[in-house]
Amino acid sequence: MKPAEYQTQLIKDLAQKHSLPVCKVEEIVYSQSALLRQVMEDGNNEGVRFPYFGVFEVSKKVLRRQDEIAKRSRESAEDNG
């Protein structure tokens, strides 16, 4: 079974088990991903903890790279300004 098929089947099983419409279960499943994405894009560099699932945070390597790009951008603006 492909991952997408497995996910679809899992959502259907959860909907049946909890007597919920499939669309509600999909909303629950996908809302956590949307929240995680929103927090990460806000750039506050805080980890997000999902109970029983773990902590998600931006890697230190990515943060360093972003800092380097911002520093170069500032320096370039100062040289041109």
PDB file of N, CA and C in Angstrom:
ATOM      1  N   MET A   1       0.845  -1.181   0.000  1.00  0.00           N
ATOM      2  CA  MET A   1       0.000   0.000   0.000  1.00  0.00           C
ATOM      3  C   MET A   1       0.888   1.241   0.000  1.00  0.00           C
ATOM      4  N   LYS A   2       0.571   2.200  -0.862  1.00  0.00           N
ATOM      5  CA  LYS A   2       1.329   3.438  -0.956  1.00  0.00           C
ATOM      6  C   LYS A   2       1.010   4.331   0.243  1.00  0.00           C
ATOM      7  N   PRO A   3       1.945   5.218   0.615  1.00  0.00           N
ATOM      8  CA  PRO A   3       1.710   6.091   1.778  1.00  0.00           C
ATOM      9  C   PRO A   3       0.416   6.903   1.684  1.00  0.00           C
ATOM     10  N   ALA A   4       0.101   7.422   0.511  1.00  0.00           N
ATOM     11  CA  ALA A   4      -1.127   8.213   0.366  1.00  0.00           C
ATOM     12  C   ALA A   4      -2.363   7.348   0.577  1.00  0.00           C
ATOM     13  N   GLU A   5      -2.316   6.124   0.067  1.00  0.00           N
ATOM     14  CA  GLU A   5      -3.440   5.203   0.261  1.00  0.00           C
ATOM     15  C   GLU A   5      -3.570   4.821   1.730  1.00  0.00           C
ATOM     16  N   TYR A   6      -2.440   4.608   2.380  1.00  0.00           N
ATOM     17  CA  TYR A   6      -2.445   4.265   3.805  1.00  0.00           C
ATOM     18  C   TYR A   6      -3.037   5.409   4.620  1.00  0.00           C
ATOM     19  N   GLN A   7      -2.639   6.630   4.302  1.00  0.00           N
ATOM     20  CA  GLN A   7      -3.151   7.798   5.023  1.00  0.00           C
ATOM     21  C   GLN A   7      -4.661   7.934   4.825  1.00  0.00           C
ATOM     22  N   THR A   8      -5.112   7.762   3.609  1.00  0.00           N
ATOM     23  CA  THR A   8      -6.541   7.846   3.317  1.00  0.00           C
ATOM     24  C   THR A   8      -7.316   6.781   4.078  1.00  0.00           C
ATOM     25  N   GLN A   9      -6.796   5.576   4.088  1.00  0.00           N
ATOM     26  CA  GLN A   9      -7.461   4.483   4.797  1.00  0.00           C
ATOM     27  C   GLN A   9      -7.468   4.740   6.301  1.00  0.00           C
ATOM     28  N   LEU A  10      -6.378   5.244   6.821  1.00  0.00           N
ATOM     29  CA  LEU A  10      -6.288   5.543   8.252  1.00  0.00           C
ATOM     30  C   LEU A  10      -7.319   6.605   8.644  1.00  0.00           C
ATOM     31  N   ILE A  11      -7.467   7.634   7.826  1.00  0.00           N
ATOM     32  CA  ILE A  11      -8.450   8.683   8.100  1.00  0.00           C
ATOM     33  C   ILE A  11      -9.863   8.096   8.084  1.00  0.00           C
ATOM     34  N   LYS A  12     -10.144   7.240   7.120  1.00  0.00           N
ATOM     35  CA  LYS A  12     -11.464   6.607   7.063  1.00  0.00           C
ATOM     36  C   LYS A  12     -11.714   5.740   8.293  1.00  0.00           C
ATOM     37  N   ASP A  13     -10.688   4.983   8.708  1.00  0.00           N
ATOM     38  CA  ASP A  13     -10.829   4.128   9.885  1.00  0.00           C
ATOM     39  C   ASP A  13     -11.076   4.950  11.149  1.00  0.00           C
ATOM     40  N   LEU A  14     -10.350   6.050  11.287  1.00  0.00           N
ATOM     41  CA  LEU A  14     -10.540   6.915  12.453  1.00  0.00           C
ATOM     42  C   LEU A  14     -11.933   7.535  12.457  1.00  0.00           C
ATOM     43  N   ALA A  15     -12.399   7.946  11.293  1.00  0.00           N
ATOM     44  CA  ALA A  15     -13.739   8.528  11.187  1.00  0.00           C
ATOM     45  C   ALA A  15     -14.796   7.520  11.615  1.00  0.00           C
ATOM     46  N   GLN A  16     -14.635   6.298  11.165  1.00  0.00           N
ATOM     47  CA  GLN A  16     -15.592   5.255  11.519  1.00  0.00           C
ATOM     48  C   GLN A  16     -15.516   4.924  13.013  1.00  0.00           C
ATOM     49  N   LYS A  17     -14.318   4.796  13.519  1.00  0.00           N
ATOM     50  CA  LYS A  17     -14.119   4.440  14.929  1.00  0.00           C
ATOM     51  C   LYS A  17     -14.727   5.484  15.863  1.00  0.00           C
ATOM     52  N   HIS A  18     -14.593   6.757  15.519  1.00  0.00           N
ATOM     53  CA  HIS A  18     -15.049   7.837  16.396  1.00  0.00           C
ATOM     54  C   HIS A  18     -16.374   8.451  15.954  1.00  0.00           C
ATOM     55  N   SER A  19     -17.021   7.819  14.990  1.00  0.00           N
ATOM     56  CA  SER A  19     -18.319   8.273  14.477  1.00  0.00           C
ATOM     57  C   SER A  19     -18.284   9.744  14.060  1.00  0.00           C
ATOM     58  N   LEU A  20     -17.282  10.069  13.272  1.00  0.00           N
ATOM     59  CA  LEU A  20     -17.120  11.436  12.771  1.00  0.00           C
ATOM     60  C   LEU A  20     -17.132  11.416  11.248  1.00  0.00           C
ATOM     61  N   PRO A  21     -17.539  12.520  10.641  1.00  0.00           N
ATOM     62  CA  PRO A  21     -17.423  12.590   9.174  1.00  0.00           C
ATOM     63  C   PRO A  21     -15.954  12.596   8.755  1.00  0.00           C
ATOM     64  N   VAL A  22     -15.676  12.032   7.621  1.00  0.00           N
ATOM     65  CA  VAL A  22     -14.303  11.952   7.109  1.00  0.00           C
ATOM     66  C   VAL A  22     -13.695  13.349   7.006  1.00  0.00           C
ATOM     67  N   CYS A  23     -14.490  14.326   6.574  1.00  0.00           N
ATOM     68  CA  CYS A  23     -13.959  15.684   6.414  1.00  0.00           C
ATOM     69  C   CYS A  23     -13.494  16.269   7.754  1.00  0.00           C
ATOM     70  N   LYS A  24     -14.174  15.935   8.848  1.00  0.00           N
ATOM     71  CA  LYS A  24     -13.757  16.424  10.171  1.00  0.00           C
ATOM     72  C   LYS A  24     -12.427  15.798  10.581  1.00  0.00           C
ATOM     73  N   VAL A  25     -12.282  14.512  10.339  1.00  0.00           N
ATOM     74  CA  VAL A  25     -11.029  13.828  10.686  1.00  0.00           C
ATOM     75  C   VAL A  25      -9.885  14.385   9.844  1.00  0.00           C
ATOM     76  N   GLU A  26     -10.137  14.643   8.563  1.00  0.00           N
ATOM     77  CA  GLU A  26      -9.107  15.247   7.716  1.00  0.00           C
ATOM     78  C   GLU A  26      -8.709  16.616   8.257  1.00  0.00           C
ATOM     79  N   GLU A  27      -9.685  17.391   8.669  1.00  0.00           N
ATOM     80  CA  GLU A  27      -9.409  18.716   9.227  1.00  0.00           C
ATOM     81  C   GLU A  27      -8.520  18.616  10.468  1.00  0.00           C
ATOM     82  N   ILE A  28      -8.817  17.651  11.317  1.00  0.00           N
ATOM     83  CA  ILE A  28      -8.024  17.449  12.533  1.00  0.00           C
ATOM     84  C   ILE A  28      -6.594  17.053  12.178  1.00  0.00           C
ATOM     85  N   VAL A  29      -6.463  16.105  11.264  1.00  0.00           N
ATOM     86  CA  VAL A  29      -5.141  15.597  10.879  1.00  0.00           C
ATOM     87  C   VAL A  29      -4.295  16.692  10.238  1.00  0.00           C
ATOM     88  N   TYR A  30      -4.887  17.430   9.313  1.00  0.00           N
ATOM     89  CA  TYR A  30      -4.114  18.416   8.558  1.00  0.00           C
ATOM     90  C   TYR A  30      -3.932  19.739   9.286  1.00  0.00           C
ATOM     91  N   SER A  31      -4.736  20.027  10.290  1.00  0.00           N
ATOM     92  CA  SER A  31      -4.604  21.309  10.990  1.00  0.00           C
ATOM     93  C   SER A  31      -3.293  21.387  11.770  1.00  0.00           C
ATOM     94  N   GLN A  32      -2.822  20.266  12.294  1.00  0.00           N
ATOM     95  CA  GLN A  32      -1.551  20.293  13.015  1.00  0.00           C
ATOM     96  C   GLN A  32      -0.405  20.654  12.086  1.00  0.00           C
ATOM     97  N   SER A  33      -0.431  20.114  10.880  1.00  0.00           N
ATOM     98  CA  SER A  33       0.615  20.450   9.918  1.00  0.00           C
ATOM     99  C   SER A  33       0.564  21.921   9.545  1.00  0.00           C
ATOM    100  N   ALA A  34      -0.640  22.444   9.388  1.00  0.00           N
ATOM    101  CA  ALA A  34      -0.794  23.860   9.040  1.00  0.00           C
ATOM    102  C   ALA A  34      -0.290  24.749  10.174  1.00  0.00           C
ATOM    103  N   LEU A  35      -0.602  24.369  11.408  1.00  0.00           N
ATOM    104  CA  LEU A  35      -0.132  25.130  12.567  1.00  0.00           C
ATOM    105  C   LEU A  35       1.392  25.106  12.634  1.00  0.00           C
ATOM    106  N   LEU A  36       1.968  23.949  12.463  1.00  0.00           N
ATOM    107  CA  LEU A  36       3.423  23.827  12.501  1.00  0.00           C
ATOM    108  C   LEU A  36       4.058  24.704  11.434  1.00  0.00           C
ATOM    109  N   ARG A  37       3.532  24.654  10.228  1.00  0.00           N
ATOM    110  CA  ARG A  37       4.076  25.468   9.140  1.00  0.00           C
ATOM    111  C   ARG A  37       3.985  26.960   9.469  1.00  0.00           C
ATOM    112  N   GLN A  38       2.841  27.384   9.994  1.00  0.00           N
ATOM    113  CA  GLN A  38       2.637  28.795  10.328  1.00  0.00           C
ATOM    114  C   GLN A  38       3.635  29.265  11.375  1.00  0.00           C
ATOM    115  N   VAL A  39       3.839  28.475  12.413  1.00  0.00           N
ATOM    116  CA  VAL A  39       4.769  28.849  13.479  1.00  0.00           C
ATOM    117  C   VAL A  39       6.190  28.910  12.942  1.00  0.00           C
ATOM    118  N   MET A  40       6.573  27.935  12.109  1.00  0.00           N
ATOM    119  CA  MET A  40       7.920  27.916  11.560  1.00  0.00           C
ATOM    120  C   MET A  40       8.154  29.111  10.638  1.00  0.00           C
ATOM    121  N   GLU A  41       7.145  29.468   9.851  1.00  0.00           N
ATOM    122  CA  GLU A  41       7.288  30.592   8.929  1.00  0.00           C
ATOM    123  C   GLU A  41       7.325  31.930   9.645  1.00  0.00           C
ATOM    124  N   ASP A  42       6.732  32.005  10.847  1.00  0.00           N
ATOM    125  CA  ASP A  42       6.753  33.250  11.612  1.00  0.00           C
ATOM    126  C   ASP A  42       8.171  33.627  12.028  1.00  0.00           C
ATOM    127  N   GLY A  43       9.059  32.637  12.074  1.00  0.00           N
ATOM    128  CA  GLY A  43      10.468  32.903  12.312  1.00  0.00           C
ATOM    129  C   GLY A  43      10.851  33.210  13.740  1.00  0.00           C
ATOM    130  N   ASN A  44      10.033  32.782  14.709  1.00  0.00           N
ATOM    131  CA  ASN A  44      10.403  33.044  16.099  1.00  0.00           C
ATOM    132  C   ASN A  44      11.379  32.001  16.640  1.00  0.00           C
ATOM    133  N   ASN A  45      11.680  30.980  15.833  1.00  0.00           N
ATOM    134  CA  ASN A  45      12.689  29.961  16.152  1.00  0.00           C
ATOM    135  C   ASN A  45      12.411  29.199  17.441  1.00  0.00           C
ATOM    136  N   GLU A  46      11.151  29.100  17.808  1.00  0.00           N
ATOM    137  CA  GLU A  46      10.781  28.289  18.957  1.00  0.00           C
ATOM    138  C   GLU A  46      10.314  26.931  18.460  1.00  0.00           C
ATOM    139  N   GLY A  47      10.571  25.915  19.249  1.00  0.00           N
ATOM    140  CA  GLY A  47      10.106  24.592  18.886  1.00  0.00           C
ATOM    141  C   GLY A  47       8.612  24.471  19.124  1.00  0.00           C
ATOM    142  N   VAL A  48       7.991  23.549  18.402  1.00  0.00           N
ATOM    143  CA  VAL A  48       6.573  23.268  18.563  1.00  0.00           C
ATOM    144  C   VAL A  48       6.454  21.827  19.036  1.00  0.00           C
ATOM    145  N   ARG A  49       5.788  21.633  20.166  1.00  0.00           N
ATOM    146  CA  ARG A  49       5.630  20.284  20.716  1.00  0.00           C
ATOM    147  C   ARG A  49       4.229  19.772  20.445  1.00  0.00           C
ATOM    148  N   PHE A  50       4.175  18.595  19.818  1.00  0.00           N
ATOM    149  CA  PHE A  50       2.921  17.883  19.651  1.00  0.00           C
ATOM    150  C   PHE A  50       2.934  16.732  20.649  1.00  0.00           C
ATOM    151  N   PRO A  51       1.982  16.716  21.575  1.00  0.00           N
ATOM    152  CA  PRO A  51       1.954  15.634  22.555  1.00  0.00           C
ATOM    153  C   PRO A  51       1.969  14.260  21.880  1.00  0.00           C
ATOM    154  N   TYR A  52       2.770  13.369  22.410  1.00  0.00           N
ATOM    155  CA  TYR A  52       2.921  11.997  21.926  1.00  0.00           C
ATOM    156  C   TYR A  52       3.559  11.904  20.544  1.00  0.00           C
ATOM    157  N   PHE A  53       4.036  13.024  20.024  1.00  0.00           N
ATOM    158  CA  PHE A  53       4.615  12.994  18.683  1.00  0.00           C
ATOM    159  C   PHE A  53       6.016  13.574  18.642  1.00  0.00           C
ATOM    160  N   GLY A  54       6.285  14.581  19.474  1.00  0.00           N
ATOM    161  CA  GLY A  54       7.630  15.121  19.524  1.00  0.00           C
ATOM    162  C   GLY A  54       7.676  16.624  19.371  1.00  0.00           C
ATOM    163  N   VAL A  55       8.913  17.143  19.348  1.00  0.00           N
ATOM    164  CA  VAL A  55       9.156  18.577  19.204  1.00  0.00           C
ATOM    165  C   VAL A  55       9.725  18.824  17.813  1.00  0.00           C
ATOM    166  N   PHE A  56       9.183  19.830  17.157  1.00  0.00           N
ATOM    167  CA  PHE A  56       9.666  20.226  15.843  1.00  0.00           C
ATOM    168  C   PHE A  56      10.305  21.595  15.974  1.00  0.00           C
ATOM    169  N   GLU A  57      11.506  21.732  15.440  1.00  0.00           N
ATOM    170  CA  GLU A  57      12.189  23.020  15.483  1.00  0.00           C
ATOM    171  C   GLU A  57      13.072  23.166  14.255  1.00  0.00           C
ATOM    172  N   VAL A  58      13.389  24.410  13.939  1.00  0.00           N
ATOM    173  CA  VAL A  58      14.259  24.687  12.809  1.00  0.00           C
ATOM    174  C   VAL A  58      15.667  24.247  13.183  1.00  0.00           C
ATOM    175  N   SER A  59      16.335  23.569  12.273  1.00  0.00           N
ATOM    176  CA  SER A  59      17.678  23.080  12.577  1.00  0.00           C
ATOM    177  C   SER A  59      18.653  24.248  12.724  1.00  0.00           C
ATOM    178  N   LYS A  60      19.659  24.042  13.529  1.00  0.00           N
ATOM    179  CA  LYS A  60      20.664  25.085  13.777  1.00  0.00           C
ATOM    180  C   LYS A  60      21.400  25.449  12.478  1.00  0.00           C
ATOM    181  N   LYS A  61      21.581  24.474  11.608  1.00  0.00           N
ATOM    182  CA  LYS A  61      22.248  24.719  10.326  1.00  0.00           C
ATOM    183  C   LYS A  61      21.434  25.708   9.481  1.00  0.00           C
ATOM    184  N   VAL A  62      20.127  25.521   9.441  1.00  0.00           N
ATOM    185  CA  VAL A  62      19.262  26.425   8.677  1.00  0.00           C
ATOM    186  C   VAL A  62      19.283  27.817   9.291  1.00  0.00           C
ATOM    187  N   LEU A  63      19.250  27.898  10.618  1.00  0.00           N
ATOM    188  CA  LEU A  63      19.291  29.200  11.290  1.00  0.00           C
ATOM    189  C   LEU A  63      20.590  29.937  10.969  1.00  0.00           C
ATOM    190  N   ARG A  64      21.720  29.220  11.008  1.00  0.00           N
ATOM    191  CA  ARG A  64      23.004  29.845  10.677  1.00  0.00           C
ATOM    192  C   ARG A  64      22.996  30.360   9.248  1.00  0.00           C
ATOM    193  N   ARG A  65      22.456  29.567   8.338  1.00  0.00           N
ATOM    194  CA  ARG A  65      22.400  29.961   6.929  1.00  0.00           C
ATOM    195  C   ARG A  65      21.539  31.218   6.751  1.00  0.00           C
ATOM    196  N   GLN A  66      20.410  31.271   7.434  1.00  0.00           N
ATOM    197  CA  GLN A  66      19.550  32.450   7.351  1.00  0.00           C
ATOM    198  C   GLN A  66      20.261  33.681   7.904  1.00  0.00           C
ATOM    199  N   ASP A  67      20.993  33.502   9.010  1.00  0.00           N
ATOM    200  CA  ASP A  67      21.741  34.614   9.588  1.00  0.00           C
ATOM    201  C   ASP A  67      22.818  35.117   8.636  1.00  0.00           C
ATOM    202  N   GLU A  68      23.511  34.196   7.957  1.00  0.00           N
ATOM    203  CA  GLU A  68      24.542  34.584   6.997  1.00  0.00           C
ATOM    204  C   GLU A  68      23.939  35.378   5.837  1.00  0.00           C
ATOM    205  N   ILE A  69      22.813  34.916   5.335  1.00  0.00           N
ATOM    206  CA  ILE A  69      22.149  35.607   4.219  1.00  0.00           C
ATOM    207  C   ILE A  69      21.705  37.001   4.653  1.00  0.00           C
ATOM    208  N   ALA A  70      21.135  37.115   5.842  1.00  0.00           N
ATOM    209  CA  ALA A  70      20.682  38.417   6.336  1.00  0.00           C
ATOM    210  C   ALA A  70      21.867  39.361   6.528  1.00  0.00           C
ATOM    211  N   LYS A  71      22.980  38.828   7.043  1.00  0.00           N
ATOM    212  CA  LYS A  71      24.166  39.650   7.268  1.00  0.00           C
ATOM    213  C   LYS A  71      24.723  40.171   5.938  1.00  0.00           C
ATOM    214  N   ARG A  72      24.808  39.280   4.942  1.00  0.00           N
ATOM    215  CA  ARG A  72      25.289  39.697   3.626  1.00  0.00           C
ATOM    216  C   ARG A  72      24.370  40.733   3.002  1.00  0.00           C
ATOM    217  N   SER A  73      23.091  40.565   3.198  1.00  0.00           N
ATOM    218  CA  SER A  73      22.127  41.516   2.657  1.00  0.00           C
ATOM    219  C   SER A  73      22.281  42.894   3.287  1.00  0.00           C
ATOM    220  N   ARG A  74      22.460  42.912   4.611  1.00  0.00           N
ATOM    221  CA  ARG A  74      22.682  44.185   5.314  1.00  0.00           C
ATOM    222  C   ARG A  74      23.969  44.858   4.850  1.00  0.00           C
ATOM    223  N   GLU A  75      25.038  44.054   4.721  1.00  0.00           N
ATOM    224  CA  GLU A  75      26.320  44.603   4.283  1.00  0.00           C
ATOM    225  C   GLU A  75      26.214  45.156   2.862  1.00  0.00           C
ATOM    226  N   SER A  76      25.514  44.465   2.005  1.00  0.00           N
ATOM    227  CA  SER A  76      25.329  44.903   0.626  1.00  0.00           C
ATOM    228  C   SER A  76      24.534  46.203   0.588  1.00  0.00           C
ATOM    229  N   ALA A  77      23.523  46.299   1.424  1.00  0.00           N
ATOM    230  CA  ALA A  77      22.709  47.515   1.476  1.00  0.00           C
ATOM    231  C   ALA A  77      23.533  48.696   1.986  1.00  0.00           C
ATOM    232  N   GLU A  78      24.413  48.443   2.959  1.00  0.00           N
ATOM    233  CA  GLU A  78      25.274  49.504   3.493  1.00  0.00           C
ATOM    234  C   GLU A  78      26.277  49.961   2.452  1.00  0.00           C
ATOM    235  N   ASP A  79      26.819  49.004   1.688  1.00  0.00           N
ATOM    236  CA  ASP A  79      27.807  49.365   0.655  1.00  0.00           C
ATOM    237  C   ASP A  79      27.163  50.168  -0.472  1.00  0.00           C
ATOM    238  N   ASN A  80      25.933  49.855  -0.791  1.00  0.00           N
ATOM    239  CA  ASN A  80      25.234  50.545  -1.872  1.00  0.00           C
ATOM    240  C   ASN A  80      24.538  51.826  -1.396  1.00  0.00           C
ATOM    241  N   GLY A  81      24.408  51.962  -0.101  1.00  0.00           N
ATOM    242  CA  GLY A  81      23.621  53.082   0.420  1.00  0.00           C
ATOM    243  C   GLY A  81      24.447  54.229   0.730  1.00  0.00           C
TER     244      GLY A  81
END
